[in-house]
């Protein structure tokens, strides 16, 4: 593979701009988000991360359930050369402390204010963590906490100024560079971080496509956790590669109803 995950996404978004990439259930029905809308948000969030001095090789947590913002955050982190560190939203404070102490993240993208509070509690042990972005609407007023909407707005305001730096960072990524740091379950001890490159992930995608006939006409229902490498590769990067659509189950309990929908 001679491509990176952000490079793959950029190419597909240019070709499929008006077609749906995501479907998310809000207000009782599934709503589409196009490739172009997703690409605009990826650039905005990437620009915000650059403005916050997230550098190549920096680790950025994603602590969230499966949702469109998860994929956008993943692409934005990687687009500036960062390493995505995806974590199960059910992890205990002890587990989070162990992982954060090990990988020393500079930022975190979380789904809820509860996750913000948990990370604040371990903040003294992890002085590297200097910023959090929370997806759900929040009443947080701490300087280091930004809402998802605010981060995107500030990123868009800075796009003209930082466009050249963004394009340079994205173009500088190589297939052999680390894309993500995945932590094991810790069954035989403390969780261990596994470094996977862009080539690691996309070579698996390429191998899958040789035996499974997935195309851009397919619609994938995402319910297995994106913090695990299987859903991350087979339910996310594989779909990017073929231009398929991704819908998100509301919960494990609603999967049968969501499949019908």
Protein backbone atom coordinates (compact mmCIF):
# COMPACT_ATOMS: atom_id res chain seq x y z
CA UNK A 1 0.00 0.00 0.00
CA UNK A 2 1.38 3.42 -0.97
CA UNK A 3 -1.49 5.43 0.52
CA UNK A 4 -2.35 6.83 3.94
CA UNK A 5 -5.76 6.86 5.62
CA UNK A 6 -6.18 10.67 5.31
CA UNK A 7 -4.99 10.45 1.70
CA UNK A 8 -7.56 7.76 0.95
CA UNK A 9 -10.34 9.79 2.55
CA UNK A 10 -9.37 12.98 0.72
CA UNK A 11 -9.40 11.18 -2.63
CA UNK A 12 -12.77 9.56 -1.97
CA UNK A 13 -14.37 12.76 -0.67
CA UNK A 14 -13.35 14.60 -3.83
CA UNK A 15 -14.99 11.92 -5.96
CA UNK A 16 -18.11 11.28 -3.86
CA UNK A 17 -18.75 14.73 -2.39
CA UNK A 18 -22.55 14.88 -2.55
CA UNK A 19 -23.16 11.23 -1.73
CA UNK A 20 -23.92 10.15 1.86
CA UNK A 21 -21.05 8.88 3.97
CA UNK A 22 -22.77 8.71 7.37
CA UNK A 23 -26.29 8.05 8.55
CA UNK A 24 -27.08 8.99 12.14
CA UNK A 25 -30.40 8.66 13.94
CA UNK A 26 -31.60 11.94 15.38
CA UNK A 27 -35.12 13.04 16.26
CA UNK A 28 -36.54 9.63 15.42
CA UNK A 29 -35.10 9.05 11.94
CA UNK A 30 -31.80 8.51 10.16
CA UNK A 31 -30.22 11.60 8.60
CA UNK A 32 -27.41 11.60 6.01
CA UNK A 33 -24.09 13.40 6.26
CA UNK A 34 -22.34 13.70 2.90
CA UNK A 35 -18.71 13.07 2.12
CA UNK A 36 -18.26 16.79 1.49
CA UNK A 37 -19.79 17.73 4.84
CA UNK A 38 -17.52 15.24 6.57
CA UNK A 39 -14.49 16.51 4.65
CA UNK A 40 -15.26 20.10 5.64
CA UNK A 41 -15.47 19.08 9.30
CA UNK A 42 -12.23 17.08 9.06
CA UNK A 43 -10.38 20.12 7.71
CA UNK A 44 -11.92 22.39 10.35
CA UNK A 45 -11.04 20.06 13.23
CA UNK A 46 -7.56 19.44 11.82
CA UNK A 47 -7.00 23.20 11.66
CA UNK A 48 -8.14 23.59 15.25
CA UNK A 49 -5.70 20.88 16.35
CA UNK A 50 -2.91 22.66 14.48
CA UNK A 51 -3.82 25.93 16.20
CA UNK A 52 -3.57 24.07 19.52
CA UNK A 53 -0.06 22.94 18.54
CA UNK A 54 -0.81 19.25 18.12
CA UNK A 55 2.34 17.98 16.43
CA UNK A 56 3.20 14.96 14.34
CA UNK A 57 3.55 11.95 16.61
CA UNK A 58 1.44 13.45 19.39
CA UNK A 59 -1.13 11.10 20.90
CA UNK A 60 -4.78 12.18 20.95
CA UNK A 61 -7.46 10.14 22.74
CA UNK A 62 -10.92 9.35 21.38
CA UNK A 63 -13.19 8.33 24.24
CA UNK A 64 -16.60 7.87 22.68
CA UNK A 65 -19.32 5.55 21.47
CA UNK A 66 -19.65 4.94 17.71
CA UNK A 67 -20.95 8.07 15.97
CA UNK A 68 -20.02 10.27 12.98
CA UNK A 69 -17.87 12.54 15.15
CA UNK A 70 -15.71 9.52 15.98
CA UNK A 71 -14.75 9.06 12.34
CA UNK A 72 -14.23 12.78 11.78
CA UNK A 73 -11.98 13.02 14.85
CA UNK A 74 -10.00 9.97 13.77
CA UNK A 75 -9.32 11.47 10.33
CA UNK A 76 -8.51 14.92 11.73
CA UNK A 77 -5.99 13.57 14.23
CA UNK A 78 -4.25 11.54 11.56
CA UNK A 79 -4.38 14.39 9.01
CA UNK A 80 -2.02 16.46 11.18
CA UNK A 81 0.29 13.48 11.76
CA UNK A 82 -1.04 12.61 15.21
CA UNK A 83 -1.69 9.15 16.55
CA UNK A 84 -5.29 8.28 17.35
CA UNK A 85 -5.62 6.48 20.70
CA UNK A 86 -9.17 5.02 20.71
CA UNK A 87 -10.54 3.99 24.09
CA UNK A 88 -13.65 2.17 25.24
CA UNK A 89 -16.06 4.65 26.84
CA UNK A 90 -16.70 2.05 29.56
CA UNK A 91 -13.10 2.05 30.84
CA UNK A 92 -12.64 2.69 34.54
CA UNK A 93 -10.72 5.64 35.89
CA UNK A 94 -7.93 3.26 36.88
CA UNK A 95 -7.63 1.87 33.35
CA UNK A 96 -7.65 5.36 31.86
CA UNK A 97 -4.96 6.48 34.27
CA UNK A 98 -2.71 3.55 33.29
CA UNK A 99 -3.17 4.17 29.56
CA UNK A 100 -2.75 7.95 29.79
CA UNK A 101 0.35 7.62 31.94
CA UNK A 102 1.80 5.32 29.30
CA UNK A 103 0.98 7.24 26.12
CA UNK A 104 1.06 10.82 27.51
CA UNK A 105 -1.73 12.27 25.32
CA UNK A 106 -1.75 15.98 24.54
CA UNK A 107 -5.51 16.12 23.83
CA UNK A 108 -8.72 14.11 24.05
CA UNK A 109 -11.93 14.04 22.02
CA UNK A 110 -14.73 12.71 24.24
CA UNK A 111 -18.45 12.21 23.83
CA UNK A 112 -19.82 13.42 27.17
CA UNK A 113 -19.15 15.72 30.10
CA UNK A 114 -18.83 12.63 32.29
CA UNK A 115 -15.71 11.66 30.34
CA UNK A 116 -14.38 15.18 30.80
CA UNK A 117 -14.80 14.90 34.57
CA UNK A 118 -13.07 11.52 34.65
CA UNK A 119 -10.09 12.81 32.67
CA UNK A 120 -9.90 15.93 34.86
CA UNK A 121 -9.64 13.67 37.90
CA UNK A 122 -6.56 11.96 36.50
CA UNK A 123 -5.12 15.17 35.05
CA UNK A 124 -2.55 15.64 37.79
CA UNK A 125 -1.02 12.29 36.90
CA UNK A 126 -1.01 13.18 33.18
CA UNK A 127 0.31 16.74 32.83
CA UNK A 128 0.67 16.27 29.06
CA UNK A 129 -3.13 16.45 28.61
CA UNK A 130 -3.78 20.11 27.87
CA UNK A 131 -7.03 20.14 25.89
CA UNK A 132 -10.36 18.30 25.62
CA UNK A 133 -13.09 18.51 22.98
CA UNK A 134 -16.52 17.25 24.05
CA UNK A 135 -19.00 16.16 21.36
CA UNK A 136 -22.27 16.52 23.28
CA UNK A 137 -23.51 19.98 24.29
CA UNK A 138 -21.75 20.96 27.50
CA UNK A 139 -21.87 23.60 30.21
CA UNK A 140 -18.15 23.26 30.89
CA UNK A 141 -16.40 26.60 31.31
CA UNK A 142 -12.86 25.41 31.86
CA UNK A 143 -10.27 26.88 29.52
CA UNK A 144 -8.96 23.49 28.47
CA UNK A 145 -12.43 22.17 27.48
CA UNK A 146 -13.98 23.11 24.12
CA UNK A 147 -17.28 21.96 22.70
CA UNK A 148 -17.28 20.14 19.37
CA UNK A 149 -19.14 23.06 17.76
CA UNK A 150 -16.71 25.61 19.17
CA UNK A 151 -13.68 23.63 17.99
CA UNK A 152 -15.06 23.41 14.45
CA UNK A 153 -15.97 27.10 14.40
CA UNK A 154 -12.53 28.16 15.59
CA UNK A 155 -10.93 25.79 13.08
CA UNK A 156 -12.90 27.34 10.22
CA UNK A 157 -11.88 30.82 11.35
CA UNK A 158 -8.21 29.76 11.15
CA UNK A 159 -8.37 27.82 7.86
CA UNK A 160 -7.07 30.58 5.60
CA UNK A 161 -4.14 31.27 7.92
CA UNK A 162 -3.21 27.62 8.47
CA UNK A 163 -4.14 26.09 5.10
CA UNK A 164 -0.54 25.71 3.93
CA UNK A 165 0.53 24.11 7.20
CA UNK A 166 -2.44 21.71 7.09
CA UNK A 167 -1.68 20.66 3.51
CA UNK A 168 2.01 20.26 4.35
CA UNK A 169 1.28 18.09 7.40
CA UNK A 170 -1.17 15.86 5.52
CA UNK A 171 1.19 15.46 2.55
CA UNK A 172 4.13 14.67 4.84
CA UNK A 173 2.49 11.51 6.26
CA UNK A 174 4.00 8.28 4.94
CA UNK A 175 2.35 4.83 4.76
CA UNK A 176 4.86 3.45 7.25
CA UNK A 177 4.10 6.18 9.82
CA UNK A 178 2.09 5.24 12.90
CA UNK A 179 -1.63 5.96 12.45
CA UNK A 180 -2.96 4.68 15.74
CA UNK A 181 -1.98 3.36 19.14
CA UNK A 182 -4.37 0.59 20.20
CA UNK A 183 -4.38 -0.72 23.75
CA UNK A 184 -4.90 -4.38 24.54
CA UNK A 185 -7.46 -5.50 27.09
CA UNK A 186 -4.81 -6.10 29.76
CA UNK A 187 -5.87 -9.73 30.31
CA UNK A 188 -2.32 -10.75 31.22
CA UNK A 189 -1.35 -7.54 32.98
CA UNK A 190 -1.65 -3.83 32.31
CA UNK A 191 -2.90 -2.75 28.85
CA UNK A 192 -0.16 -2.55 26.25
CA UNK A 193 -0.10 -0.08 23.37
CA UNK A 194 0.17 -1.54 19.87
CA UNK A 195 1.49 0.78 17.15
CA UNK A 196 -0.21 0.29 13.78
CA UNK A 197 0.84 2.15 10.65
CA UNK A 198 -1.34 3.40 7.81
CA UNK A 199 0.06 0.55 5.73
CA UNK A 200 -0.83 -2.00 8.44
CA UNK A 201 -4.48 -0.97 8.34
CA UNK A 202 -4.87 -0.45 4.60
CA UNK A 203 -3.10 -3.68 3.68
CA UNK A 204 -5.74 -5.48 5.75
CA UNK A 205 -8.41 -3.55 3.85
CA UNK A 206 -6.87 -4.60 0.56
CA UNK A 207 -6.72 -8.25 1.63
CA UNK A 208 -10.38 -8.20 2.74
CA UNK A 209 -11.49 -6.82 -0.60
CA UNK A 210 -9.86 -9.76 -2.36
CA UNK A 211 -12.24 -12.18 -0.64
CA UNK A 212 -15.33 -10.14 0.40
CA UNK A 213 -17.31 -8.38 -2.37
CA UNK A 214 -18.01 -5.07 -0.61
CA UNK A 215 -18.76 -2.11 -2.90
CA UNK A 216 -19.80 1.50 -2.79
CA UNK A 217 -23.43 0.39 -3.02
CA UNK A 218 -23.28 -1.21 0.41
CA UNK A 219 -24.58 0.24 3.68
CA UNK A 220 -22.81 -0.83 6.87
CA UNK A 221 -24.47 -0.76 10.30
CA UNK A 222 -21.75 0.05 12.82
CA UNK A 223 -22.31 -1.38 16.29
CA UNK A 224 -19.11 -3.18 17.31
CA UNK A 225 -16.84 -0.73 19.19
CA UNK A 226 -14.61 1.41 16.98
CA UNK A 227 -12.00 1.34 19.74
CA UNK A 228 -11.33 -2.29 18.70
CA UNK A 229 -9.20 -2.92 15.64
CA UNK A 230 -11.79 -5.15 13.94
CA UNK A 231 -14.53 -2.53 13.63
CA UNK A 232 -11.93 0.17 13.03
CA UNK A 233 -10.59 -1.68 10.00
CA UNK A 234 -13.60 -3.64 8.70
CA UNK A 235 -16.37 -1.23 9.63
CA UNK A 236 -14.62 2.08 9.03
CA UNK A 237 -11.48 2.07 6.88
CA UNK A 238 -12.84 -0.67 4.61
CA UNK A 239 -15.96 1.43 4.01
CA UNK A 240 -13.83 4.48 3.22
CA UNK A 241 -11.85 2.46 0.70
CA UNK A 242 -14.88 1.38 -1.33
CA UNK A 243 -17.00 4.49 -0.84
CA UNK A 244 -19.69 2.69 1.15
CA UNK A 245 -22.08 4.30 3.62
CA UNK A 246 -21.93 3.89 7.40
CA UNK A 247 -25.00 4.02 9.67
CA UNK A 248 -24.65 3.95 13.45
CA UNK A 249 -26.73 1.78 15.73
CA UNK A 250 -28.18 3.67 18.67
CA UNK A 251 -27.17 0.92 21.09
CA UNK A 252 -26.61 -2.82 21.24
CA UNK A 253 -30.26 -3.22 22.26
CA UNK A 254 -31.60 -1.41 19.17
CA UNK A 255 -29.58 -3.30 16.55
CA UNK A 256 -32.53 -5.38 15.21
CA UNK A 257 -34.73 -2.27 14.83
CA UNK A 258 -31.86 -0.25 13.35
CA UNK A 259 -31.18 -3.01 10.81
CA UNK A 260 -34.82 -2.84 9.70
CA UNK A 261 -34.61 0.94 9.42
